[in-house]
Amino acid sequence: MTSACHDSASVSILLVEDHKDSREILANLLAHCGYEVSTAANMQDALTLINDLRFEILVCDIGLPDGSGLDLVAEAKKRQAWKKTVALTAHEDQSDLGLRAGFDEFLTKPFDFNQLRSILAQSR
């Protein structure tokens, strides 16, 4: 696990991950680092949150039960301006697709949390 961190107080993140345990662990780690984290388990819930709240960073799984993170990032960018969008996937071969769809960064699962922290720190 990572040492105590306070990367960025009051930076808001929308974390979209369908795997409940992964979503909860990642949300807790990000909150521990000082981020304000909202979570969604699927594309529809994410779009509802995007309509209702303002976020600075999107961290999104590519494979969602009701759509694709590739579609979600395109729609999210139409609705809000984002400092950073980060794709998460278990399929390394999707990185070019993810970047073309509009993600700024791409992490292949399993990833080191410090990699994500480093990416997020660049968006401050």
C-alpha atoms as a PDB file:
ATOM      1  CA  MET A   1       0.000   0.000   0.000  1.00  0.00           C
ATOM      2  CA  THR A   2       1.016   3.596  -0.424  1.00  0.00           C
ATOM      3  CA  SER A   3       2.330   5.806   2.348  1.00  0.00           C
ATOM      4  CA  ALA A   4       0.209   8.631   3.713  1.00  0.00           C
ATOM      5  CA  CYS A   5      -0.426  11.143   0.993  1.00  0.00           C
ATOM      6  CA  HIS A   6      -2.234  14.370   0.450  1.00  0.00           C
ATOM      7  CA  ASP A   7      -1.824  14.891  -3.266  1.00  0.00           C
ATOM      8  CA  SER A   8      -4.592  17.279  -4.055  1.00  0.00           C
ATOM      9  CA  ALA A   9      -7.215  18.529  -1.671  1.00  0.00           C
ATOM     10  CA  SER A  10     -10.512  19.463  -3.270  1.00  0.00           C
ATOM     11  CA  VAL A  11      -9.803  18.036  -6.718  1.00  0.00           C
ATOM     12  CA  SER A  12     -12.923  16.140  -7.740  1.00  0.00           C
ATOM     13  CA  ILE A  13     -12.703  12.747  -9.402  1.00  0.00           C
ATOM     14  CA  LEU A  14     -15.409  10.636 -10.988  1.00  0.00           C
ATOM     15  CA  LEU A  15     -14.360   6.994 -10.732  1.00  0.00           C
ATOM     16  CA  VAL A  16     -16.301   4.623 -12.987  1.00  0.00           C
ATOM     17  CA  GLU A  17     -15.583   0.941 -12.286  1.00  0.00           C
ATOM     18  CA  ASP A  18     -18.058  -1.932 -12.436  1.00  0.00           C
ATOM     19  CA  HIS A  19     -16.136  -4.279 -10.139  1.00  0.00           C
ATOM     20  CA  LYS A  20     -17.410  -3.353  -6.667  1.00  0.00           C
ATOM     21  CA  ASP A  21     -14.313  -4.305  -4.646  1.00  0.00           C
ATOM     22  CA  SER A  22     -11.951  -2.561  -7.067  1.00  0.00           C
ATOM     23  CA  ARG A  23     -14.150   0.544  -7.087  1.00  0.00           C
ATOM     24  CA  GLU A  24     -14.280   0.728  -3.291  1.00  0.00           C
ATOM     25  CA  ILE A  25     -10.566   0.138  -2.774  1.00  0.00           C
ATOM     26  CA  LEU A  26      -9.545   2.653  -5.419  1.00  0.00           C
ATOM     27  CA  ALA A  27     -12.031   5.242  -4.135  1.00  0.00           C
ATOM     28  CA  ASN A  28     -10.688   4.831  -0.593  1.00  0.00           C
ATOM     29  CA  LEU A  29      -7.075   5.181  -1.737  1.00  0.00           C
ATOM     30  CA  LEU A  30      -7.888   8.316  -3.732  1.00  0.00           C
ATOM     31  CA  ALA A  31      -9.846   9.817  -0.834  1.00  0.00           C
ATOM     32  CA  HIS A  32      -6.918   9.038   1.473  1.00  0.00           C
ATOM     33  CA  CYS A  33      -4.768  11.121  -0.879  1.00  0.00           C
ATOM     34  CA  GLY A  34      -7.097  14.085  -0.489  1.00  0.00           C
ATOM     35  CA  TYR A  35      -9.252  13.772  -3.600  1.00  0.00           C
ATOM     36  CA  GLU A  36     -13.015  14.226  -3.534  1.00  0.00           C
ATOM     37  CA  VAL A  37     -14.248  10.996  -5.110  1.00  0.00           C
ATOM     38  CA  SER A  38     -17.653  10.126  -6.531  1.00  0.00           C
ATOM     39  CA  THR A  39     -18.194   6.647  -7.921  1.00  0.00           C
ATOM     40  CA  ALA A  40     -20.364   4.970 -10.522  1.00  0.00           C
ATOM     41  CA  ALA A  41     -20.684   1.291 -11.404  1.00  0.00           C
ATOM     42  CA  ASN A  42     -21.882   1.789 -14.956  1.00  0.00           C
ATOM     43  CA  MET A  43     -22.222   4.235 -17.833  1.00  0.00           C
ATOM     44  CA  GLN A  44     -25.771   5.383 -17.007  1.00  0.00           C
ATOM     45  CA  ASP A  45     -24.933   6.214 -13.382  1.00  0.00           C
ATOM     46  CA  ALA A  46     -21.793   8.047 -14.530  1.00  0.00           C
ATOM     47  CA  LEU A  47     -23.749  10.169 -17.011  1.00  0.00           C
ATOM     48  CA  THR A  48     -26.284  11.041 -14.317  1.00  0.00           C
ATOM     49  CA  LEU A  49     -23.486  12.207 -12.019  1.00  0.00           C
ATOM     50  CA  ILE A  50     -21.868  14.190 -14.845  1.00  0.00           C
ATOM     51  CA  ASN A  51     -25.176  15.958 -15.454  1.00  0.00           C
ATOM     52  CA  ASP A  52     -25.623  16.782 -11.760  1.00  0.00           C
ATOM     53  CA  LEU A  53     -22.078  17.555 -10.555  1.00  0.00           C
ATOM     54  CA  ARG A  54     -18.830  19.095 -11.779  1.00  0.00           C
ATOM     55  CA  PHE A  55     -15.685  16.962 -11.902  1.00  0.00           C
ATOM     56  CA  GLU A  56     -12.108  17.708 -12.853  1.00  0.00           C
ATOM     57  CA  ILE A  57     -10.826  14.182 -13.472  1.00  0.00           C
ATOM     58  CA  LEU A  58     -12.447  11.079 -14.954  1.00  0.00           C
ATOM     59  CA  VAL A  59     -10.970   7.668 -14.119  1.00  0.00           C
ATOM     60  CA  CYS A  60     -12.932   5.088 -16.063  1.00  0.00           C
ATOM     61  CA  ASP A  61     -12.872   1.380 -16.761  1.00  0.00           C
ATOM     62  CA  ILE A  62     -13.234   0.560 -20.469  1.00  0.00           C
ATOM     63  CA  GLY A  63     -15.465  -2.489 -19.982  1.00  0.00           C
ATOM     64  CA  LEU A  64     -18.753  -1.472 -18.386  1.00  0.00           C
ATOM     65  CA  PRO A  65     -21.910  -3.592 -18.114  1.00  0.00           C
ATOM     66  CA  ASP A  66     -24.097  -1.124 -20.036  1.00  0.00           C
ATOM     67  CA  GLY A  67     -21.629   0.318 -22.532  1.00  0.00           C
ATOM     68  CA  SER A  68     -18.036   1.162 -23.127  1.00  0.00           C
ATOM     69  CA  GLY A  69     -15.753   3.578 -21.358  1.00  0.00           C
ATOM     70  CA  LEU A  70     -14.780   4.646 -24.878  1.00  0.00           C
ATOM     71  CA  ASP A  71     -18.316   5.899 -25.464  1.00  0.00           C
ATOM     72  CA  LEU A  72     -18.503   7.354 -21.976  1.00  0.00           C
ATOM     73  CA  VAL A  73     -15.389   9.512 -22.340  1.00  0.00           C
ATOM     74  CA  ALA A  74     -16.660  10.950 -25.627  1.00  0.00           C
ATOM     75  CA  GLU A  75     -20.009  11.851 -24.059  1.00  0.00           C
ATOM     76  CA  ALA A  76     -18.374  13.117 -20.860  1.00  0.00           C
ATOM     77  CA  LYS A  77     -16.183  15.502 -22.856  1.00  0.00           C
ATOM     78  CA  LYS A  78     -19.266  16.908 -24.597  1.00  0.00           C
ATOM     79  CA  ARG A  79     -20.874  17.679 -21.228  1.00  0.00           C
ATOM     80  CA  GLN A  80     -17.903  18.984 -19.196  1.00  0.00           C
ATOM     81  CA  ALA A  81     -14.333  20.180 -19.462  1.00  0.00           C
ATOM     82  CA  TRP A  82     -11.880  17.747 -17.849  1.00  0.00           C
ATOM     83  CA  LYS A  83      -8.341  18.369 -16.608  1.00  0.00           C
ATOM     84  CA  LYS A  84      -7.527  14.700 -17.145  1.00  0.00           C
ATOM     85  CA  THR A  85      -9.226  11.510 -18.305  1.00  0.00           C
ATOM     86  CA  VAL A  86      -7.689   8.146 -17.435  1.00  0.00           C
ATOM     87  CA  ALA A  87      -8.743   4.792 -18.892  1.00  0.00           C
ATOM     88  CA  LEU A  88      -8.424   1.558 -16.912  1.00  0.00           C
ATOM     89  CA  THR A  89      -8.588  -1.825 -18.582  1.00  0.00           C
ATOM     90  CA  ALA A  90      -7.373  -5.382 -18.341  1.00  0.00           C
ATOM     91  CA  HIS A  91      -6.706  -5.410 -22.097  1.00  0.00           C
ATOM     92  CA  GLU A  92      -3.402  -3.776 -23.006  1.00  0.00           C
ATOM     93  CA  ASP A  93      -4.243  -3.919 -26.720  1.00  0.00           C
ATOM     94  CA  GLN A  94      -6.969  -1.276 -26.224  1.00  0.00           C
ATOM     95  CA  SER A  95      -4.563   1.580 -25.433  1.00  0.00           C
ATOM     96  CA  ASP A  96      -4.548   3.082 -28.941  1.00  0.00           C
ATOM     97  CA  LEU A  97      -8.324   2.808 -29.102  1.00  0.00           C
ATOM     98  CA  GLY A  98      -8.663   4.483 -25.698  1.00  0.00           C
ATOM     99  CA  LEU A  99      -6.388   7.361 -26.614  1.00  0.00           C
ATOM    100  CA  ARG A 100      -8.192   7.894 -29.927  1.00  0.00           C
ATOM    101  CA  ALA A 101     -11.542   7.879 -28.121  1.00  0.00           C
ATOM    102  CA  GLY A 102     -10.412  10.807 -25.995  1.00  0.00           C
ATOM    103  CA  PHE A 103      -8.652   9.449 -22.928  1.00  0.00           C
ATOM    104  CA  ASP A 104      -5.511  11.366 -21.962  1.00  0.00           C
ATOM    105  CA  GLU A 105      -3.871   8.428 -20.207  1.00  0.00           C
ATOM    106  CA  PHE A 106      -4.209   4.663 -20.213  1.00  0.00           C
ATOM    107  CA  LEU A 107      -3.427   2.187 -17.426  1.00  0.00           C
ATOM    108  CA  THR A 108      -3.529  -1.586 -17.837  1.00  0.00           C
ATOM    109  CA  LYS A 109      -4.787  -3.607 -14.860  1.00  0.00           C
ATOM    110  CA  PRO A 110      -3.308  -4.561 -12.582  1.00  0.00           C
ATOM    111  CA  PHE A 111      -1.522  -1.236 -12.173  1.00  0.00           C
ATOM    112  CA  ASP A 112       0.560   0.259  -9.405  1.00  0.00           C
ATOM    113  CA  PHE A 113      -1.473   2.893  -7.536  1.00  0.00           C
ATOM    114  CA  ASN A 114       1.587   5.163  -7.587  1.00  0.00           C
ATOM    115  CA  GLN A 115       1.326   5.226 -11.405  1.00  0.00           C
ATOM    116  CA  LEU A 116      -2.176   6.627 -11.102  1.00  0.00           C
ATOM    117  CA  ARG A 117      -1.069   9.112  -8.412  1.00  0.00           C
ATOM    118  CA  SER A 118       1.684  10.334 -10.721  1.00  0.00           C
ATOM    119  CA  ILE A 119      -0.756  10.835 -13.610  1.00  0.00           C
ATOM    120  CA  LEU A 120      -3.221  12.671 -11.383  1.00  0.00           C
ATOM    121  CA  ALA A 121      -0.510  14.882  -9.926  1.00  0.00           C
ATOM    122  CA  GLN A 122       0.232  16.161 -13.456  1.00  0.00           C
ATOM    123  CA  SER A 123      -3.290  17.560 -13.698  1.00  0.00           C
ATOM    124  CA  ARG A 124      -2.997  19.961 -10.755  1.00  0.00           C
END
